[in-house]
Every structure is written in structure tokens, then in C-alpha cells.
Amino acid sequence: MALQHKPTAPHHSTEDALRVLETVARHTSGVTDTEITRESGIGTERLTTLLRMLRREAYVEQTADGAYVTGEALARLGSAQGREQALREKLQRTLEGLRDSVGAAVYISRYVDGEVSVTQYADSPAAPRVNEWVDFRVSAHATAVGKSLLTQLDHAGRRDHLARHRMARLTSRTITSDKLLLSRLESQPATVPVLDLQEYAVGTVCAAVPITAGSSVGCLALSLPVEHAHRLRRAADELNRSAAPVLLSLAI
């Protein structure tokens, strides 16, 4: 199954962040921001933003004299022993921070062996998660998560998925025509969040953005009660802007 890789803003941010981390890692005794700029080719203003994010995520630390060194989170993710547990914990902390900043339940989902899988989420009483009243694996046509994952497959991959999962009508807004859904997926811009406006569940709206790392198809999503639907687009844009730390954790 071929993937459709279209670079997004978080993808570019991740590439730049990896270049910064490689530069810092080469200088075990520390490196200044001026030296990072010179060696990485990343402009001062852009570097300032990246370093702020990398410090917040504990990928780099700043010494007393202002130099940058490898941080604790990078050391844990870079270690072969316990990497999977370290990655899960790191992603969970990032998701909890995202939940609080966007004011919504947030999810990481992946397309694994031809199926939709929500691998982690962060919710709270103030940001309740979606009630999975129909298995997410059979309702990709109706969810923001499912549609975001399907947009990252090629046409044959999408057709294969829909052939295996009947497009049931879950609400009055659910698309049940494979022709219409395939047309929508085809025209979905990679940089624009995919929305679910009560297509999966009455009373819930969702948005999802792609986080494809290497050959792995994934997405980052949020859900809101319908009474907060007016916040959906702004929250989705913020989620898109904040996807870089998640992508970075998966790429290290």
C-alpha cells in the first residue's frame, strides 16, 4: 500500500528540530545558539522558536553559561533500553499539555495492518473523550481520525479499506456513499484539518491533522461537545501548529 506524503508545517518544523538536535548532540560540552545557526543554517528567529519548544519538551537544556546540551527526554528516547515505555510516557505528557492548551480531549491514532487504532489519548472532566459507541475500526468513514488516516493512503489503499468496512449510517450527517467520500478524501488539502461535524456521534464534533513519521501513517485529533463547536476550527488550527512535538517524539 503506497502512502501519500505531503509535507505539512509540523513536518517541516520536525525536520528543522532534528537538525538542531543533531548539532547539539555533536557538541557534548555545549553549543551556543550562534554556533547552532551557523552549523544548521536555520535563521535566528526560527531557531529561537525551535529552542523554546525543545527546552519545554526537555530535548535540550541550557547550562549556566547559556550553552545548549542534550536534555533528559532526548537521552531517554535515544536509549535502546526502555525506549517504547519512554516514548509512551513522553507522548502522554505532550498530549496532556495539548489537552490543556486547546481545551479539548486529544488523541493519537495510527493505521496499523489495515485498521484504525487509537493508541493514546488525554481527557479530563472538563474535556471529555468521545464515547466509542461504534468501534473506531469500522467507522473510519465517519470520524475525523479515520478520514485523516485514509487521506494519507493512496487511492487503492482507501478503496481496500472501504471494501472491508461497510459504510453504515451512524447519524443523519454520515456520508454513506463511497464515491462521495473518496472524492472528499481526494480533494482534502494535507495542511487543512479534517473535520467530523456530528458524523460519528450526535453531540460531538472532532478535528484531526496528519502526523506521518517515516512509513507510519498517524494523526493527532481532538473532540469537543457540540455546544463548543464554535471553538472547533481555532482549536484544530492550534492542534496543527502544536503537532511538531508529537512528530518529533516519533521521529527520534
Protein backbone atom coordinates (compact mmCIF):
# COMPACT_ATOMS: atom_id res chain seq x y z
CA MET A 1 0.00 0.00 0.00
CA ALA A 2 1.53 3.32 -1.06
CA LEU A 3 1.38 6.36 1.20
CA GLN A 4 0.72 9.88 0.06
CA HIS A 5 3.34 12.01 1.79
CA LYS A 6 2.59 15.72 1.60
CA PRO A 7 4.84 17.88 3.80
CA THR A 8 2.92 19.89 6.40
CA ALA A 9 4.07 22.74 8.67
CA PRO A 10 4.65 20.34 11.63
CA HIS A 11 6.66 18.10 9.28
CA HIS A 12 8.95 21.00 8.32
CA SER A 13 9.27 22.02 12.00
CA THR A 14 10.25 18.46 12.89
CA GLU A 15 12.95 18.36 10.21
CA ASP A 16 14.39 21.66 11.50
CA ALA A 17 14.20 20.48 15.11
CA LEU A 18 16.05 17.25 14.24
CA ARG A 19 18.81 19.35 12.61
CA VAL A 20 19.11 21.41 15.81
CA LEU A 21 19.25 18.24 17.96
CA GLU A 22 21.93 16.71 15.72
CA THR A 23 24.01 19.89 16.09
CA VAL A 24 23.60 19.92 19.89
CA ALA A 25 24.46 16.21 20.12
CA ARG A 26 27.73 16.77 18.23
CA HIS A 27 28.87 19.26 20.89
CA THR A 28 28.91 17.21 24.09
CA SER A 29 30.27 20.11 26.15
CA GLY A 30 27.59 22.52 24.90
CA VAL A 31 26.93 24.77 21.91
CA THR A 32 25.71 28.38 21.64
CA ASP A 33 22.71 29.47 19.59
CA THR A 34 25.08 31.40 17.29
CA GLU A 35 27.02 28.20 16.57
CA ILE A 36 23.77 26.26 16.01
CA THR A 37 22.66 28.88 13.46
CA ARG A 38 25.97 28.67 11.64
CA GLU A 39 26.09 24.87 11.54
CA SER A 40 22.41 24.15 10.86
CA GLY A 41 21.64 27.05 8.53
CA ILE A 42 18.46 27.83 10.49
CA GLY A 43 17.77 31.57 10.91
CA THR A 44 17.99 33.25 14.33
CA GLU A 45 14.25 33.96 14.72
CA ARG A 46 13.26 30.45 13.66
CA LEU A 47 15.92 28.94 15.91
CA THR A 48 14.66 30.89 18.93
CA THR A 49 11.17 29.37 18.46
CA LEU A 50 12.56 25.85 17.98
CA LEU A 51 14.86 26.08 21.02
CA ARG A 52 11.94 27.27 23.16
CA MET A 53 9.93 24.20 22.10
CA LEU A 54 12.91 21.84 22.55
CA ARG A 55 13.59 23.19 26.06
CA ARG A 56 9.90 22.90 27.01
CA GLU A 57 9.89 19.27 25.80
CA ALA A 58 13.20 18.55 27.66
CA TYR A 59 15.03 17.62 24.45
CA VAL A 60 17.69 20.25 25.18
CA GLU A 61 18.80 22.01 28.36
CA GLN A 62 20.59 25.32 28.81
CA THR A 63 23.68 25.45 31.01
CA ALA A 64 24.54 28.31 33.38
CA ASP A 65 26.69 29.97 30.71
CA GLY A 66 23.88 29.86 28.13
CA ALA A 67 25.10 26.93 26.02
CA TYR A 68 22.75 24.15 24.93
CA VAL A 69 23.27 20.46 25.77
CA THR A 70 21.23 17.29 25.21
CA GLY A 71 18.20 17.07 27.52
CA GLU A 72 16.84 14.24 29.64
CA ALA A 73 13.94 13.39 27.30
CA LEU A 74 16.26 13.01 24.31
CA ALA A 75 18.61 10.79 26.31
CA ARG A 76 15.69 8.52 27.31
CA LEU A 77 14.24 8.28 23.79
CA GLY A 78 17.69 7.76 22.29
CA SER A 79 18.35 4.77 24.55
CA ALA A 80 17.54 1.34 23.11
CA GLN A 81 16.57 0.03 26.55
CA GLY A 82 13.07 1.04 27.62
CA ARG A 83 12.57 3.28 24.57
CA GLU A 84 8.98 2.17 23.98
CA GLN A 85 7.95 2.96 27.55
CA ALA A 86 9.83 6.28 27.44
CA LEU A 87 8.10 7.20 24.16
CA ARG A 88 4.67 6.34 25.55
CA GLU A 89 5.28 8.44 28.69
CA LYS A 90 6.66 11.36 26.63
CA LEU A 91 3.70 11.31 24.25
CA GLN A 92 1.27 11.15 27.18
CA ARG A 93 2.83 14.24 28.79
CA THR A 94 2.68 16.05 25.45
CA LEU A 95 -0.97 15.05 24.95
CA GLU A 96 -1.88 16.27 28.45
CA GLY A 97 -0.25 19.62 27.70
CA LEU A 98 -2.14 19.82 24.40
CA ARG A 99 -5.43 18.92 26.09
CA ASP A 100 -5.00 21.83 28.48
CA SER A 101 -3.83 24.34 25.82
CA VAL A 102 -6.60 23.58 23.28
CA GLY A 103 -9.27 22.85 25.92
CA ALA A 104 -10.34 19.55 24.36
CA ALA A 105 -9.76 15.82 24.63
CA VAL A 106 -6.86 14.85 22.31
CA TYR A 107 -5.92 11.56 20.68
CA ILE A 108 -3.08 9.89 18.77
CA SER A 109 -4.24 7.38 16.19
CA ARG A 110 -2.34 5.13 13.77
CA TYR A 111 -3.24 3.00 10.76
CA VAL A 112 -1.79 -0.41 11.62
CA ASP A 113 -2.21 -3.55 9.47
CA GLY A 114 -5.12 -2.01 7.60
CA GLU A 115 -7.03 -0.90 10.70
CA VAL A 116 -7.65 2.35 12.61
CA SER A 117 -6.15 2.24 16.10
CA VAL A 118 -6.41 5.00 18.74
CA THR A 119 -3.16 4.37 20.61
CA GLN A 120 -3.22 7.12 23.27
CA TYR A 121 -5.46 9.93 24.47
CA ALA A 122 -5.70 12.59 27.16
CA ASP A 123 -9.05 13.71 28.53
CA SER A 124 -10.43 15.26 31.72
CA PRO A 125 -13.82 16.05 33.28
CA ALA A 126 -13.66 19.44 31.53
CA ALA A 127 -12.55 17.85 28.24
CA PRO A 128 -14.43 14.53 27.95
CA ARG A 129 -13.39 11.99 25.32
CA VAL A 130 -15.70 10.62 22.66
CA ASN A 131 -17.94 7.76 23.72
CA GLU A 132 -16.85 4.95 21.35
CA TRP A 133 -20.39 3.73 20.70
CA VAL A 134 -19.34 2.13 17.38
CA ASP A 135 -15.87 0.57 17.10
CA PHE A 136 -13.49 3.13 15.55
CA ARG A 137 -12.08 0.36 13.33
CA VAL A 138 -15.35 0.04 11.41
CA SER A 139 -16.31 3.73 11.37
CA ALA A 140 -13.34 5.42 9.65
CA HIS A 141 -15.76 6.89 7.07
CA ALA A 142 -17.49 8.89 9.82
CA THR A 143 -14.68 10.03 12.12
CA ALA A 144 -12.11 12.81 11.73
CA VAL A 145 -9.45 10.30 12.84
CA GLY A 146 -10.47 7.75 10.23
CA LYS A 147 -10.75 10.26 7.40
CA SER A 148 -7.37 11.82 8.26
CA LEU A 149 -5.71 8.38 8.16
CA LEU A 150 -7.45 7.46 4.89
CA THR A 151 -6.30 10.71 3.21
CA GLN A 152 -2.72 9.55 3.80
CA LEU A 153 -3.25 6.32 1.84
CA ASP A 154 -3.23 6.09 -1.94
CA HIS A 155 -6.49 5.56 -3.87
CA ALA A 156 -6.11 1.75 -3.88
CA GLY A 157 -5.48 1.75 -0.11
CA ARG A 158 -8.64 3.78 0.51
CA ARG A 159 -10.71 1.51 -1.73
CA ASP A 160 -9.32 -1.56 0.03
CA HIS A 161 -10.31 -0.16 3.44
CA LEU A 162 -13.84 0.77 2.35
CA ALA A 163 -14.29 -2.65 0.71
CA ARG A 164 -13.57 -4.30 4.06
CA HIS A 165 -15.75 -1.99 6.17
CA ARG A 166 -19.36 -1.24 5.24
CA MET A 167 -20.17 2.48 5.45
CA ALA A 168 -23.00 2.39 7.99
CA ARG A 169 -25.15 5.47 8.64
CA LEU A 170 -24.33 6.45 12.23
CA THR A 171 -26.10 9.84 12.25
CA SER A 172 -28.12 11.83 9.73
CA ARG A 173 -24.85 13.55 8.70
CA THR A 174 -22.79 10.40 7.98
CA ILE A 175 -21.55 10.02 4.40
CA THR A 176 -22.51 6.53 3.20
CA SER A 177 -21.58 6.92 -0.49
CA ASP A 178 -18.07 5.60 -1.15
CA LYS A 179 -17.94 7.70 -4.34
CA LEU A 180 -18.66 10.90 -2.40
CA LEU A 181 -16.28 10.01 0.44
CA LEU A 182 -13.42 9.12 -1.95
CA SER A 183 -13.98 12.43 -3.78
CA ARG A 184 -13.81 14.34 -0.46
CA LEU A 185 -10.67 12.49 0.63
CA GLU A 186 -9.02 13.12 -2.75
CA SER A 187 -9.59 16.88 -2.51
CA GLN A 188 -8.61 17.22 1.17
CA PRO A 189 -5.54 19.52 1.44
CA ALA A 190 -2.79 17.97 3.61
CA THR A 191 -2.34 21.21 5.57
CA VAL A 192 -6.03 21.63 6.49
CA PRO A 193 -7.51 19.71 9.47
CA VAL A 194 -10.14 17.05 8.64
CA LEU A 195 -13.44 17.71 10.45
CA ASP A 196 -16.24 15.48 11.74
CA LEU A 197 -19.35 17.58 12.38
CA GLN A 198 -21.61 15.10 14.22
CA GLU A 199 -20.99 12.43 11.54
CA TYR A 200 -19.89 9.79 14.08
CA ALA A 201 -21.94 10.80 17.12
CA VAL A 202 -24.72 13.31 17.70
CA GLY A 203 -23.45 15.90 20.17
CA THR A 204 -19.73 15.64 19.29
CA VAL A 205 -17.50 17.45 16.77
CA CYS A 206 -13.91 16.45 16.01
CA ALA A 207 -10.86 17.51 14.01
CA ALA A 208 -7.69 15.63 13.01
CA VAL A 209 -4.30 16.52 11.49
CA PRO A 210 -1.76 14.11 9.94
CA ILE A 211 1.41 13.09 11.83
CA THR A 212 3.17 10.77 9.42
CA ALA A 213 6.62 9.68 10.57
CA GLY A 214 8.56 7.54 8.11
CA SER A 215 6.33 4.78 6.76
CA SER A 216 3.90 5.04 9.68
CA VAL A 217 0.52 6.70 8.99
CA GLY A 218 -0.83 8.57 12.00
CA CYS A 219 -2.90 11.54 13.10
CA LEU A 220 -3.47 13.82 16.05
CA ALA A 221 -7.11 14.60 16.83
CA LEU A 222 -9.37 16.46 19.24
CA SER A 223 -13.05 16.25 20.16
CA LEU A 224 -15.46 18.79 21.61
CA PRO A 225 -19.08 18.67 22.77
CA VAL A 226 -21.28 20.23 20.06
CA GLU A 227 -22.07 23.22 22.30
CA HIS A 228 -18.39 24.17 21.84
CA ALA A 229 -18.50 23.73 18.04
CA HIS A 230 -17.72 27.44 17.59
CA ARG A 231 -14.24 26.71 19.03
CA LEU A 232 -13.52 23.78 16.70
CA ARG A 233 -11.66 25.50 13.87
CA ARG A 234 -9.48 27.60 16.15
CA ALA A 235 -8.71 24.55 18.33
CA ALA A 236 -7.93 22.49 15.20
CA ASP A 237 -5.54 25.16 13.91
CA GLU A 238 -3.80 25.24 17.30
CA LEU A 239 -3.59 21.44 17.29
CA ASN A 240 -1.99 21.59 13.82
CA ARG A 241 0.56 24.18 14.99
CA SER A 242 1.31 22.07 18.08
CA ALA A 243 1.77 18.75 16.26
CA ALA A 244 5.57 19.15 15.87
CA PRO A 245 6.50 17.84 19.37
CA VAL A 246 4.43 14.68 18.77
CA LEU A 247 6.02 14.13 15.36
CA LEU A 248 9.45 14.79 16.84
CA SER A 249 8.98 12.16 19.57
CA LEU A 250 8.00 9.61 16.90
CA ALA A 251 10.92 10.56 14.65
CA ILE A 252 13.72 10.35 17.25
